Amino acid sequence: MLYYRGMFFNLLLPGGIGGDGYKVFYIKKWFGQRPGPVIKALITDRLSGLVAIIGIILLLVNWLAVSFEWRLLSIGGLILIYPLFYLFLWLFFRKFLPIFGRVNILAICVQVLQVLSVICLLAALGNPNGIHIYVLLFLVSSIAFVIPISVGGLGLREVVFLYGSRFFMFDEELSVTVSLMFFMLNALSSLPGAFLSMEPKDKSSGTNVVATDH
């Protein structure tokens, strides 16, 4: 229920991070947790999603008509991205290393499902040529989505799709349509968060939801 409520707040507040702020407030209020460990957990969660997106982008680069040097760089990035992420966590968020594998597998699954959603939208619109390019633009727009300058990221994805389609000489109208349709699907998926009751029956039952630093 907390996850759905977070999704709903992501739509209402700039940058797609409003839900994370709500989670920190909620867990602190009802479960007595200090904000520090909760914030670290949410940062790790965000970073795992970002690393998954970058990994899929690097994989897609090999499908593009790019030079051998770019392909080599993308392969090198794929090899290094998770070891570098592991090193980052070891330096700054060492407490989460025991769940490194599970968290990143789930993050990859989430991003792959989003990519499949976009592919389904494109199929519904007539299976245009260069689907991998549209997927690439979607993934880049997902990174732009977290920039806190619009409500729920609305408009940022569309800008990325618009200029990306111009760069690749694709159908601009189709690109923006796919972006808007994905936003609407995301909004519909988030609506249950507006209605779910978030009040726990027993505050004390969740005192160990997030581990402390001790």
N, C-alpha and C. Protein backbone atom coordinates (compact mmCIF):
# COMPACT_ATOMS: atom_id res chain seq x y z
N MET A 1 0.83 -1.21 0.00
CA MET A 1 0.00 0.00 0.00
C MET A 1 0.86 1.26 0.00
N LEU A 2 1.96 1.19 0.74
CA LEU A 2 2.87 2.34 0.78
C LEU A 2 3.48 2.59 -0.59
N TYR A 3 3.78 1.52 -1.31
CA TYR A 3 4.34 1.66 -2.65
C TYR A 3 3.36 2.37 -3.59
N TYR A 4 2.08 1.98 -3.53
CA TYR A 4 1.08 2.63 -4.38
C TYR A 4 0.88 4.09 -3.99
N ARG A 5 0.88 4.36 -2.69
CA ARG A 5 0.75 5.76 -2.26
C ARG A 5 1.94 6.58 -2.76
N GLY A 6 3.14 5.98 -2.73
CA GLY A 6 4.32 6.66 -3.25
C GLY A 6 4.21 6.94 -4.73
N MET A 7 3.68 5.99 -5.50
CA MET A 7 3.48 6.20 -6.94
C MET A 7 2.53 7.37 -7.18
N PHE A 8 1.47 7.44 -6.36
CA PHE A 8 0.50 8.52 -6.53
C PHE A 8 1.14 9.88 -6.27
N PHE A 9 1.95 9.98 -5.20
CA PHE A 9 2.60 11.25 -4.90
C PHE A 9 3.65 11.61 -5.94
N ASN A 10 4.23 10.62 -6.59
CA ASN A 10 5.18 10.91 -7.67
C ASN A 10 4.51 11.67 -8.80
N LEU A 11 3.21 11.42 -9.01
CA LEU A 11 2.49 12.13 -10.06
C LEU A 11 2.16 13.57 -9.66
N LEU A 12 1.96 13.78 -8.36
CA LEU A 12 1.52 15.10 -7.90
C LEU A 12 2.65 16.08 -7.69
N LEU A 13 3.84 15.57 -7.37
CA LEU A 13 4.96 16.44 -7.00
C LEU A 13 6.04 16.40 -8.06
N PRO A 14 6.84 17.47 -8.18
CA PRO A 14 7.86 17.56 -9.24
C PRO A 14 8.92 16.47 -9.13
N GLY A 15 9.38 16.05 -10.30
CA GLY A 15 10.57 15.24 -10.37
C GLY A 15 10.41 13.76 -10.15
N GLY A 16 9.21 13.28 -9.90
CA GLY A 16 9.04 11.87 -9.68
C GLY A 16 9.69 11.37 -8.40
N ILE A 17 9.96 12.27 -7.43
CA ILE A 17 10.59 11.86 -6.18
C ILE A 17 9.70 12.19 -4.98
N GLY A 18 8.52 12.73 -5.24
CA GLY A 18 7.63 13.07 -4.15
C GLY A 18 7.22 11.86 -3.34
N GLY A 19 7.06 10.71 -4.02
CA GLY A 19 6.70 9.49 -3.32
C GLY A 19 7.76 9.04 -2.35
N ASP A 20 9.02 9.25 -2.70
CA ASP A 20 10.11 8.89 -1.80
C ASP A 20 10.08 9.74 -0.54
N GLY A 21 9.83 11.03 -0.72
CA GLY A 21 9.73 11.91 0.44
C GLY A 21 8.58 11.50 1.34
N TYR A 22 7.46 11.09 0.74
CA TYR A 22 6.32 10.66 1.53
C TYR A 22 6.66 9.39 2.32
N LYS A 23 7.40 8.47 1.70
CA LYS A 23 7.78 7.24 2.39
C LYS A 23 8.63 7.54 3.62
N VAL A 24 9.58 8.48 3.47
CA VAL A 24 10.42 8.85 4.62
C VAL A 24 9.56 9.41 5.74
N PHE A 25 8.64 10.32 5.38
CA PHE A 25 7.75 10.92 6.38
C PHE A 25 6.88 9.86 7.05
N TYR A 26 6.31 8.97 6.25
CA TYR A 26 5.37 7.97 6.77
C TYR A 26 6.07 6.98 7.71
N ILE A 27 7.21 6.45 7.27
CA ILE A 27 7.92 5.46 8.09
C ILE A 27 8.43 6.08 9.38
N LYS A 28 8.87 7.34 9.29
CA LYS A 28 9.32 8.02 10.51
C LYS A 28 8.15 8.24 11.47
N LYS A 29 7.00 8.62 10.94
CA LYS A 29 5.85 8.94 11.78
C LYS A 29 5.27 7.70 12.46
N TRP A 30 5.09 6.64 11.68
CA TRP A 30 4.35 5.49 12.19
C TRP A 30 5.23 4.39 12.78
N PHE A 31 6.48 4.32 12.34
CA PHE A 31 7.32 3.22 12.81
C PHE A 31 8.51 3.70 13.62
N GLY A 32 8.62 5.00 13.84
CA GLY A 32 9.66 5.52 14.70
C GLY A 32 11.07 5.39 14.16
N GLN A 33 11.22 5.22 12.88
CA GLN A 33 12.55 5.07 12.30
C GLN A 33 13.19 6.44 12.08
N ARG A 34 14.50 6.48 12.29
CA ARG A 34 15.24 7.69 11.96
C ARG A 34 15.28 7.86 10.43
N PRO A 35 15.21 9.10 9.94
CA PRO A 35 15.17 9.31 8.48
C PRO A 35 16.41 8.79 7.76
N GLY A 36 17.58 8.84 8.41
CA GLY A 36 18.83 8.47 7.74
C GLY A 36 18.80 7.12 7.05
N PRO A 37 18.52 6.02 7.76
CA PRO A 37 18.50 4.70 7.11
C PRO A 37 17.44 4.58 6.02
N VAL A 38 16.30 5.24 6.22
CA VAL A 38 15.24 5.17 5.21
C VAL A 38 15.68 5.88 3.93
N ILE A 39 16.28 7.05 4.09
CA ILE A 39 16.76 7.81 2.92
C ILE A 39 17.82 7.02 2.18
N LYS A 40 18.73 6.38 2.91
CA LYS A 40 19.77 5.57 2.27
C LYS A 40 19.16 4.43 1.48
N ALA A 41 18.13 3.79 2.05
CA ALA A 41 17.47 2.70 1.34
C ALA A 41 16.81 3.20 0.06
N LEU A 42 16.18 4.37 0.12
CA LEU A 42 15.50 4.92 -1.06
C LEU A 42 16.50 5.36 -2.12
N ILE A 43 17.65 5.91 -1.68
CA ILE A 43 18.69 6.30 -2.64
C ILE A 43 19.22 5.06 -3.36
N THR A 44 19.46 3.99 -2.58
CA THR A 44 19.94 2.75 -3.18
C THR A 44 18.94 2.20 -4.18
N ASP A 45 17.66 2.29 -3.83
CA ASP A 45 16.60 1.84 -4.72
C ASP A 45 16.60 2.65 -6.02
N ARG A 46 16.70 3.96 -5.91
CA ARG A 46 16.73 4.83 -7.09
C ARG A 46 17.95 4.52 -7.96
N LEU A 47 19.10 4.35 -7.32
CA LEU A 47 20.32 4.09 -8.07
C LEU A 47 20.26 2.75 -8.79
N SER A 48 19.66 1.75 -8.17
CA SER A 48 19.56 0.44 -8.82
C SER A 48 18.72 0.54 -10.09
N GLY A 49 17.65 1.34 -10.03
CA GLY A 49 16.83 1.56 -11.22
C GLY A 49 17.59 2.30 -12.30
N LEU A 50 18.36 3.32 -11.89
CA LEU A 50 19.14 4.10 -12.86
C LEU A 50 20.20 3.24 -13.53
N VAL A 51 20.88 2.41 -12.75
CA VAL A 51 21.91 1.53 -13.30
C VAL A 51 21.29 0.55 -14.29
N ALA A 52 20.10 0.03 -13.96
CA ALA A 52 19.41 -0.89 -14.87
C ALA A 52 19.08 -0.20 -16.19
N ILE A 53 18.60 1.05 -16.11
CA ILE A 53 18.28 1.80 -17.33
C ILE A 53 19.52 2.02 -18.18
N ILE A 54 20.60 2.43 -17.54
CA ILE A 54 21.84 2.68 -18.28
C ILE A 54 22.35 1.38 -18.91
N GLY A 55 22.22 0.27 -18.19
CA GLY A 55 22.65 -1.01 -18.73
C GLY A 55 21.88 -1.39 -19.98
N ILE A 56 20.56 -1.20 -19.97
CA ILE A 56 19.75 -1.52 -21.15
C ILE A 56 20.09 -0.57 -22.30
N ILE A 57 20.34 0.71 -21.99
CA ILE A 57 20.75 1.66 -23.03
C ILE A 57 22.04 1.21 -23.69
N LEU A 58 23.02 0.81 -22.88
CA LEU A 58 24.30 0.33 -23.43
C LEU A 58 24.10 -0.89 -24.31
N LEU A 59 23.16 -1.75 -23.92
CA LEU A 59 22.87 -2.93 -24.73
C LEU A 59 22.25 -2.53 -26.06
N LEU A 60 21.35 -1.54 -26.04
CA LEU A 60 20.69 -1.11 -27.27
C LEU A 60 21.64 -0.40 -28.23
N VAL A 61 22.67 0.24 -27.67
CA VAL A 61 23.64 0.94 -28.53
C VAL A 61 24.24 -0.01 -29.56
N ASN A 62 24.38 -1.27 -29.19
CA ASN A 62 24.96 -2.25 -30.12
C ASN A 62 24.05 -2.55 -31.29
N TRP A 63 22.77 -2.21 -31.18
CA TRP A 63 21.84 -2.40 -32.30
C TRP A 63 21.88 -1.24 -33.29
N LEU A 64 22.43 -0.11 -32.84
CA LEU A 64 22.45 1.06 -33.71
C LEU A 64 23.61 0.97 -34.71
N ALA A 65 23.47 1.74 -35.77
CA ALA A 65 24.53 1.79 -36.78
C ALA A 65 25.62 2.73 -36.30
N VAL A 66 26.36 2.29 -35.29
CA VAL A 66 27.42 3.11 -34.72
C VAL A 66 28.78 2.50 -35.07
N SER A 67 29.82 3.27 -34.85
CA SER A 67 31.17 2.82 -35.18
C SER A 67 31.62 1.73 -34.22
N PHE A 68 32.69 1.06 -34.59
CA PHE A 68 33.24 -0.01 -33.76
C PHE A 68 33.66 0.52 -32.40
N GLU A 69 34.17 1.76 -32.38
CA GLU A 69 34.60 2.34 -31.10
C GLU A 69 33.44 2.50 -30.13
N TRP A 70 32.27 2.94 -30.65
CA TRP A 70 31.10 3.10 -29.79
C TRP A 70 30.60 1.74 -29.29
N ARG A 71 30.65 0.74 -30.15
CA ARG A 71 30.25 -0.60 -29.71
C ARG A 71 31.19 -1.11 -28.63
N LEU A 72 32.46 -0.84 -28.80
CA LEU A 72 33.45 -1.27 -27.80
C LEU A 72 33.21 -0.58 -26.48
N LEU A 73 32.89 0.72 -26.54
CA LEU A 73 32.61 1.47 -25.31
C LEU A 73 31.35 0.94 -24.62
N SER A 74 30.34 0.62 -25.42
CA SER A 74 29.10 0.11 -24.82
C SER A 74 29.32 -1.24 -24.15
N ILE A 75 30.11 -2.10 -24.78
CA ILE A 75 30.41 -3.41 -24.18
C ILE A 75 31.23 -3.23 -22.91
N GLY A 76 32.20 -2.32 -22.96
CA GLY A 76 32.99 -2.04 -21.77
C GLY A 76 32.13 -1.50 -20.64
N GLY A 77 31.16 -0.64 -21.00
CA GLY A 77 30.26 -0.11 -19.98
C GLY A 77 29.41 -1.19 -19.36
N LEU A 78 28.92 -2.14 -20.19
CA LEU A 78 28.12 -3.25 -19.67
C LEU A 78 28.92 -4.11 -18.70
N ILE A 79 30.19 -4.30 -19.00
CA ILE A 79 31.04 -5.12 -18.14
C ILE A 79 31.32 -4.42 -16.81
N LEU A 80 31.47 -3.11 -16.85
CA LEU A 80 31.93 -2.38 -15.67
C LEU A 80 30.82 -1.81 -14.80
N ILE A 81 29.62 -1.63 -15.36
CA ILE A 81 28.62 -0.84 -14.65
C ILE A 81 28.24 -1.43 -13.29
N TYR A 82 28.05 -2.75 -13.22
CA TYR A 82 27.65 -3.32 -11.93
C TYR A 82 28.81 -3.47 -10.95
N PRO A 83 30.02 -3.81 -11.40
CA PRO A 83 31.14 -3.75 -10.46
C PRO A 83 31.35 -2.35 -9.89
N LEU A 84 31.19 -1.31 -10.72
CA LEU A 84 31.34 0.06 -10.23
C LEU A 84 30.23 0.42 -9.25
N PHE A 85 29.01 -0.03 -9.53
CA PHE A 85 27.90 0.21 -8.61
C PHE A 85 28.14 -0.50 -7.28
N TYR A 86 28.66 -1.72 -7.35
CA TYR A 86 28.97 -2.47 -6.13
C TYR A 86 30.04 -1.73 -5.31
N LEU A 87 31.04 -1.21 -6.02
CA LEU A 87 32.10 -0.46 -5.33
C LEU A 87 31.53 0.79 -4.67
N PHE A 88 30.62 1.48 -5.37
CA PHE A 88 29.99 2.67 -4.81
C PHE A 88 29.24 2.34 -3.53
N LEU A 89 28.47 1.26 -3.56
CA LEU A 89 27.73 0.86 -2.37
C LEU A 89 28.67 0.45 -1.25
N TRP A 90 29.77 -0.21 -1.59
CA TRP A 90 30.75 -0.62 -0.58
C TRP A 90 31.36 0.60 0.12
N LEU A 91 31.52 1.68 -0.63
CA LEU A 91 32.12 2.89 -0.07
C LEU A 91 31.12 3.70 0.76
N PHE A 92 29.86 3.76 0.32
CA PHE A 92 28.92 4.70 0.93
C PHE A 92 27.67 4.05 1.55
N PHE A 93 27.26 2.89 1.07
CA PHE A 93 26.04 2.26 1.58
C PHE A 93 26.30 0.77 1.83
N ARG A 94 27.35 0.49 2.57
CA ARG A 94 27.82 -0.88 2.73
C ARG A 94 26.76 -1.81 3.33
N LYS A 95 25.87 -1.23 4.11
CA LYS A 95 24.84 -2.02 4.78
C LYS A 95 23.93 -2.78 3.82
N PHE A 96 23.81 -2.29 2.58
CA PHE A 96 22.88 -2.90 1.62
C PHE A 96 23.55 -3.92 0.70
N LEU A 97 24.85 -4.17 0.88
CA LEU A 97 25.55 -5.12 0.01
C LEU A 97 24.97 -6.53 0.07
N PRO A 98 24.51 -7.02 1.24
CA PRO A 98 23.95 -8.38 1.26
C PRO A 98 22.76 -8.60 0.33
N ILE A 99 22.05 -7.55 -0.02
CA ILE A 99 20.88 -7.69 -0.91
C ILE A 99 21.16 -7.12 -2.29
N PHE A 100 22.45 -6.91 -2.61
CA PHE A 100 22.84 -6.30 -3.88
C PHE A 100 22.25 -7.07 -5.07
N GLY A 101 22.40 -8.39 -5.07
CA GLY A 101 21.94 -9.19 -6.19
C GLY A 101 20.44 -9.13 -6.37
N ARG A 102 19.69 -9.33 -5.28
CA ARG A 102 18.24 -9.34 -5.36
C ARG A 102 17.69 -7.99 -5.82
N VAL A 103 18.23 -6.92 -5.24
CA VAL A 103 17.74 -5.58 -5.58
C VAL A 103 17.94 -5.29 -7.06
N ASN A 104 19.11 -5.62 -7.58
CA ASN A 104 19.41 -5.29 -8.97
C ASN A 104 18.68 -6.19 -9.96
N ILE A 105 18.44 -7.45 -9.59
CA ILE A 105 17.63 -8.31 -10.45
C ILE A 105 16.21 -7.78 -10.54
N LEU A 106 15.64 -7.37 -9.40
CA LEU A 106 14.30 -6.79 -9.41
C LEU A 106 14.27 -5.49 -10.22
N ALA A 107 15.32 -4.66 -10.09
CA ALA A 107 15.37 -3.40 -10.84
C ALA A 107 15.40 -3.66 -12.34
N ILE A 108 16.18 -4.66 -12.76
CA ILE A 108 16.24 -5.00 -14.18
C ILE A 108 14.87 -5.49 -14.65
N CYS A 109 14.22 -6.32 -13.85
CA CYS A 109 12.89 -6.83 -14.22
C CYS A 109 11.89 -5.70 -14.40
N VAL A 110 11.91 -4.72 -13.48
CA VAL A 110 10.99 -3.58 -13.57
C VAL A 110 11.22 -2.81 -14.86
N GLN A 111 12.49 -2.53 -15.19
CA GLN A 111 12.78 -1.76 -16.40
C GLN A 111 12.45 -2.54 -17.66
N VAL A 112 12.68 -3.85 -17.64
CA VAL A 112 12.33 -4.67 -18.81
C VAL A 112 10.82 -4.67 -19.01
N LEU A 113 10.05 -4.74 -17.93
CA LEU A 113 8.59 -4.70 -18.05
C LEU A 113 8.12 -3.36 -18.62
N GLN A 114 8.79 -2.27 -18.21
CA GLN A 114 8.43 -0.97 -18.78
C GLN A 114 8.74 -0.92 -20.27
N VAL A 115 9.88 -1.49 -20.64
CA VAL A 115 10.23 -1.54 -22.06
C VAL A 115 9.20 -2.35 -22.84
N LEU A 116 8.77 -3.48 -22.27
CA LEU A 116 7.74 -4.29 -22.93
C LEU A 116 6.43 -3.52 -23.07
N SER A 117 6.11 -2.69 -22.08
CA SER A 117 4.91 -1.86 -22.17
C SER A 117 4.99 -0.91 -23.36
N VAL A 118 6.17 -0.29 -23.53
CA VAL A 118 6.35 0.63 -24.66
C VAL A 118 6.26 -0.12 -25.99
N ILE A 119 6.84 -1.32 -26.04
CA ILE A 119 6.78 -2.12 -27.26
C ILE A 119 5.32 -2.47 -27.59
N CYS A 120 4.53 -2.77 -26.56
CA CYS A 120 3.11 -3.07 -26.78
C CYS A 120 2.37 -1.84 -27.30
N LEU A 121 2.70 -0.67 -26.76
CA LEU A 121 2.08 0.56 -27.25
C LEU A 121 2.44 0.80 -28.73
N LEU A 122 3.70 0.57 -29.07
CA LEU A 122 4.12 0.74 -30.46
C LEU A 122 3.42 -0.27 -31.37
N ALA A 123 3.24 -1.49 -30.88
CA ALA A 123 2.54 -2.50 -31.67
C ALA A 123 1.10 -2.08 -31.90
N ALA A 124 0.48 -1.50 -30.88
CA ALA A 124 -0.90 -1.04 -31.02
C ALA A 124 -1.01 0.12 -32.01
N LEU A 125 0.07 0.85 -32.19
CA LEU A 125 0.08 2.00 -33.10
C LEU A 125 0.58 1.62 -34.49
N GLY A 126 0.80 0.32 -34.73
CA GLY A 126 1.14 -0.11 -36.09
C GLY A 126 2.53 -0.63 -36.30
N ASN A 127 3.25 -0.97 -35.23
CA ASN A 127 4.60 -1.54 -35.36
C ASN A 127 5.50 -0.72 -36.29
N PRO A 128 5.83 0.51 -35.94
CA PRO A 128 6.70 1.32 -36.80
C PRO A 128 8.10 0.75 -36.89
N ASN A 129 8.81 1.14 -37.92
CA ASN A 129 10.20 0.72 -38.05
C ASN A 129 11.06 1.36 -36.96
N GLY A 130 12.12 0.66 -36.60
CA GLY A 130 13.05 1.21 -35.62
C GLY A 130 12.51 1.22 -34.20
N ILE A 131 11.83 0.13 -33.81
CA ILE A 131 11.27 0.07 -32.46
C ILE A 131 12.36 0.23 -31.41
N HIS A 132 13.56 -0.31 -31.69
CA HIS A 132 14.64 -0.20 -30.71
C HIS A 132 15.04 1.26 -30.48
N ILE A 133 14.85 2.11 -31.52
CA ILE A 133 15.16 3.54 -31.33
C ILE A 133 14.14 4.17 -30.39
N TYR A 134 12.87 3.84 -30.58
CA TYR A 134 11.84 4.37 -29.69
C TYR A 134 12.08 3.91 -28.25
N VAL A 135 12.48 2.66 -28.09
CA VAL A 135 12.78 2.14 -26.75
C VAL A 135 13.96 2.89 -26.15
N LEU A 136 14.96 3.17 -26.98
CA LEU A 136 16.12 3.93 -26.51
C LEU A 136 15.71 5.32 -26.04
N LEU A 137 14.86 5.98 -26.82
CA LEU A 137 14.38 7.31 -26.43
C LEU A 137 13.57 7.24 -25.14
N PHE A 138 12.79 6.18 -24.99
CA PHE A 138 12.01 6.02 -23.77
C PHE A 138 12.94 5.89 -22.55
N LEU A 139 14.00 5.12 -22.68
CA LEU A 139 14.91 4.93 -21.56
C LEU A 139 15.64 6.23 -21.22
N VAL A 140 16.03 6.97 -22.23
CA VAL A 140 16.67 8.28 -21.97
C VAL A 140 15.67 9.21 -21.30
N SER A 141 14.42 9.16 -21.73
CA SER A 141 13.40 10.02 -21.12
C SER A 141 13.13 9.60 -19.68
N SER A 142 13.33 8.33 -19.36
CA SER A 142 13.16 7.86 -17.99
C SER A 142 14.19 8.48 -17.06
N ILE A 143 15.39 8.72 -17.57
CA ILE A 143 16.42 9.40 -16.79
C ILE A 143 16.03 10.87 -16.60
N ALA A 144 15.54 11.50 -17.68
CA ALA A 144 15.12 12.90 -17.59
C ALA A 144 13.92 13.07 -16.68
N PHE A 145 13.14 11.99 -16.49
CA PHE A 145 11.92 12.03 -15.69
C PHE A 145 12.17 12.49 -14.26
N VAL A 146 13.34 12.20 -13.71
CA VAL A 146 13.60 12.51 -12.30
C VAL A 146 14.05 13.95 -12.08
N ILE A 147 14.25 14.72 -13.16
CA ILE A 147 14.65 16.11 -12.99
C ILE A 147 13.46 16.89 -12.43
N PRO A 148 13.60 17.53 -11.26
CA PRO A 148 12.43 18.13 -10.59
C PRO A 148 12.02 19.49 -11.14
N ILE A 149 11.55 19.49 -12.40
CA ILE A 149 11.11 20.77 -12.98
C ILE A 149 9.70 20.68 -13.54
N SER A 150 9.05 19.54 -13.40
CA SER A 150 7.67 19.44 -13.86
C SER A 150 6.90 18.50 -12.95
N VAL A 151 5.60 18.62 -12.95
CA VAL A 151 4.75 17.80 -12.10
C VAL A 151 4.68 16.39 -12.69
N GLY A 152 5.17 15.41 -11.90
CA GLY A 152 5.13 14.03 -12.34
C GLY A 152 5.97 13.75 -13.57
N GLY A 153 6.89 14.67 -13.91
CA GLY A 153 7.72 14.47 -15.09
C GLY A 153 6.99 14.74 -16.39
N LEU A 154 5.74 15.22 -16.31
CA LEU A 154 4.97 15.47 -17.51
C LEU A 154 5.64 16.55 -18.36
N GLY A 155 5.83 16.26 -19.61
CA GLY A 155 6.48 17.20 -20.53
C GLY A 155 7.92 16.84 -20.81
N LEU A 156 8.63 16.30 -19.82
CA LEU A 156 10.04 15.96 -20.02
C LEU A 156 10.19 14.78 -20.97
N ARG A 157 9.39 13.75 -20.76
CA ARG A 157 9.45 12.61 -21.68
C ARG A 157 9.11 13.06 -23.11
N GLU A 158 8.10 13.91 -23.21
CA GLU A 158 7.66 14.35 -24.53
C GLU A 158 8.76 15.14 -25.25
N VAL A 159 9.48 15.97 -24.48
CA VAL A 159 10.58 16.75 -25.07
C VAL A 159 11.67 15.81 -25.59
N VAL A 160 12.02 14.81 -24.80
CA VAL A 160 13.05 13.85 -25.21
C VAL A 160 12.60 13.11 -26.47
N PHE A 161 11.35 12.66 -26.48
CA PHE A 161 10.83 11.94 -27.65
C PHE A 161 10.79 12.85 -28.88
N LEU A 162 10.40 14.10 -28.67
CA LEU A 162 10.28 15.03 -29.81
C LEU A 162 11.63 15.28 -30.45
N TYR A 163 12.62 15.68 -29.65
CA TYR A 163 13.93 16.01 -30.22
C TYR A 163 14.67 14.75 -30.66
N GLY A 164 14.43 13.64 -29.95
CA GLY A 164 15.05 12.38 -30.37
C GLY A 164 14.53 11.91 -31.71
N SER A 165 13.22 12.06 -31.93
CA SER A 165 12.64 11.65 -33.21
C SER A 165 13.15 12.54 -34.34
N ARG A 166 13.37 13.81 -34.03
CA ARG A 166 13.94 14.70 -35.05
C ARG A 166 15.37 14.29 -35.40
N PHE A 167 16.12 13.92 -34.37
CA PHE A 167 17.52 13.52 -34.60
C PHE A 167 17.59 12.26 -35.46
N PHE A 168 16.72 11.30 -35.18
CA PHE A 168 16.74 10.04 -35.93
C PHE A 168 15.81 10.08 -37.15
N MET A 169 15.18 11.26 -37.38
CA MET A 169 14.28 11.45 -38.51
C MET A 169 13.12 10.46 -38.48
N PHE A 170 12.51 10.35 -37.30
CA PHE A 170 11.34 9.50 -37.10
C PHE A 170 10.08 10.36 -37.05
N ASP A 171 8.95 9.69 -36.94
CA ASP A 171 7.66 10.35 -36.88
C ASP A 171 7.52 11.06 -35.53
N GLU A 172 7.52 12.40 -35.54
CA GLU A 172 7.45 13.15 -34.29
C GLU A 172 6.10 12.94 -33.59
N GLU A 173 5.03 12.95 -34.36
CA GLU A 173 3.71 12.79 -33.77
C GLU A 173 3.58 11.43 -33.09
N LEU A 174 4.07 10.39 -33.73
CA LEU A 174 4.02 9.05 -33.14
C LEU A 174 4.84 8.99 -31.86
N SER A 175 6.01 9.61 -31.87
CA SER A 175 6.89 9.59 -30.71
C SER A 175 6.23 10.22 -29.50
N VAL A 176 5.64 11.40 -29.70
CA VAL A 176 4.99 12.10 -28.59
C VAL A 176 3.75 11.34 -28.14
N THR A 177 3.04 10.72 -29.08
CA THR A 177 1.85 9.94 -28.73
C THR A 177 2.22 8.77 -27.82
N VAL A 178 3.29 8.07 -28.14
CA VAL A 178 3.74 6.95 -27.31
C VAL A 178 4.07 7.45 -25.91
N SER A 179 4.75 8.57 -25.82
CA SER A 179 5.12 9.12 -24.52
C SER A 179 3.89 9.48 -23.69
N LEU A 180 2.90 10.13 -24.32
CA LEU A 180 1.68 10.52 -23.60
C LEU A 180 0.87 9.29 -23.18
N MET A 181 0.82 8.29 -24.03
CA MET A 181 0.09 7.08 -23.68
C MET A 181 0.74 6.37 -22.50
N PHE A 182 2.06 6.35 -22.47
CA PHE A 182 2.74 5.72 -21.33
C PHE A 182 2.46 6.50 -20.05
N PHE A 183 2.45 7.83 -20.15
CA PHE A 183 2.15 8.63 -18.97
C PHE A 183 0.74 8.33 -18.45
N MET A 184 -0.21 8.18 -19.37
CA MET A 184 -1.58 7.89 -18.95
C MET A 184 -1.68 6.51 -18.29
N LEU A 185 -0.96 5.54 -18.83
CA LEU A 185 -0.94 4.21 -18.22
C LEU A 185 -0.33 4.26 -16.82
N ASN A 186 0.73 5.03 -16.70
CA ASN A 186 1.38 5.19 -15.40
C ASN A 186 0.44 5.87 -14.40
N ALA A 187 -0.29 6.87 -14.88
CA ALA A 187 -1.23 7.57 -14.01
C ALA A 187 -2.35 6.64 -13.55
N LEU A 188 -2.88 5.84 -14.47
CA LEU A 188 -3.94 4.89 -14.11
C LEU A 188 -3.43 3.86 -13.12
N SER A 189 -2.18 3.40 -13.31
CA SER A 189 -1.60 2.43 -12.39
C SER A 189 -1.39 3.01 -11.00
N SER A 190 -1.23 4.34 -10.93
CA SER A 190 -0.95 4.99 -9.66
C SER A 190 -2.21 5.38 -8.89
N LEU A 191 -3.35 5.39 -9.56
CA LEU A 191 -4.60 5.84 -8.92
C LEU A 191 -4.98 5.07 -7.65
N PRO A 192 -4.73 3.75 -7.57
CA PRO A 192 -5.08 3.07 -6.31
C PRO A 192 -4.44 3.70 -5.08
N GLY A 193 -3.29 4.36 -5.25
CA GLY A 193 -2.62 5.01 -4.12
C GLY A 193 -3.43 6.13 -3.51
N ALA A 194 -4.37 6.68 -4.28
CA ALA A 194 -5.20 7.77 -3.76
C ALA A 194 -6.29 7.25 -2.84
N PHE A 195 -6.58 5.96 -2.92
CA PHE A 195 -7.72 5.42 -2.18
C PHE A 195 -7.34 4.41 -1.09
N LEU A 196 -6.12 3.89 -1.16
CA LEU A 196 -5.73 2.88 -0.18
C LEU A 196 -5.55 3.49 1.19
N SER A 197 -6.04 2.83 2.19
CA SER A 197 -5.84 3.29 3.57
C SER A 197 -4.44 2.96 3.99
N MET A 198 -3.73 3.97 4.52
CA MET A 198 -2.33 3.78 4.89
C MET A 198 -2.12 3.71 6.40
N GLU A 199 -3.15 3.75 7.18
CA GLU A 199 -2.99 3.76 8.63
C GLU A 199 -2.81 2.34 9.15
N PRO A 200 -1.67 2.00 9.76
CA PRO A 200 -1.49 0.66 10.30
C PRO A 200 -2.33 0.46 11.54
N LYS A 201 -2.77 -0.79 11.77
CA LYS A 201 -3.58 -1.08 12.94
C LYS A 201 -2.76 -1.00 14.22
N ASP A 202 -1.47 -1.30 14.13
CA ASP A 202 -0.62 -1.30 15.31
C ASP A 202 0.70 -0.67 14.96
N LYS A 203 0.94 0.51 15.47
CA LYS A 203 2.19 1.20 15.15
C LYS A 203 3.41 0.38 15.50
N SER A 204 3.33 -0.33 16.63
CA SER A 204 4.50 -1.05 17.12
C SER A 204 4.86 -2.23 16.25
N SER A 205 3.92 -2.66 15.37
CA SER A 205 4.16 -3.86 14.57
C SER A 205 5.21 -3.64 13.51
N GLY A 206 5.54 -2.39 13.22
CA GLY A 206 6.48 -2.14 12.14
C GLY A 206 7.78 -1.52 12.58
N THR A 207 8.17 -1.70 13.84
CA THR A 207 9.35 -1.01 14.34
C THR A 207 10.63 -1.49 13.69
N ASN A 208 10.59 -2.65 13.03
CA ASN A 208 11.79 -3.16 12.39
C ASN A 208 11.68 -3.17 10.87
N VAL A 209 10.80 -2.32 10.34
CA VAL A 209 10.62 -2.29 8.89
C VAL A 209 11.93 -1.92 8.21
N VAL A 210 12.65 -0.95 8.73
CA VAL A 210 13.93 -0.52 8.20
C VAL A 210 14.97 -0.70 9.28
N ALA A 211 16.04 -1.38 8.94
CA ALA A 211 17.08 -1.61 9.95
C ALA A 211 17.80 -0.32 10.28
N THR A 212 18.20 -0.18 11.52
CA THR A 212 18.96 1.00 11.91
C THR A 212 20.42 0.78 11.61
N ASP A 213 21.23 1.79 11.88
CA ASP A 213 22.65 1.70 11.62
C ASP A 213 23.40 0.94 12.70
N HIS A 214 22.73 0.57 13.82
CA HIS A 214 23.43 -0.09 14.91
C HIS A 214 23.71 -1.55 14.57
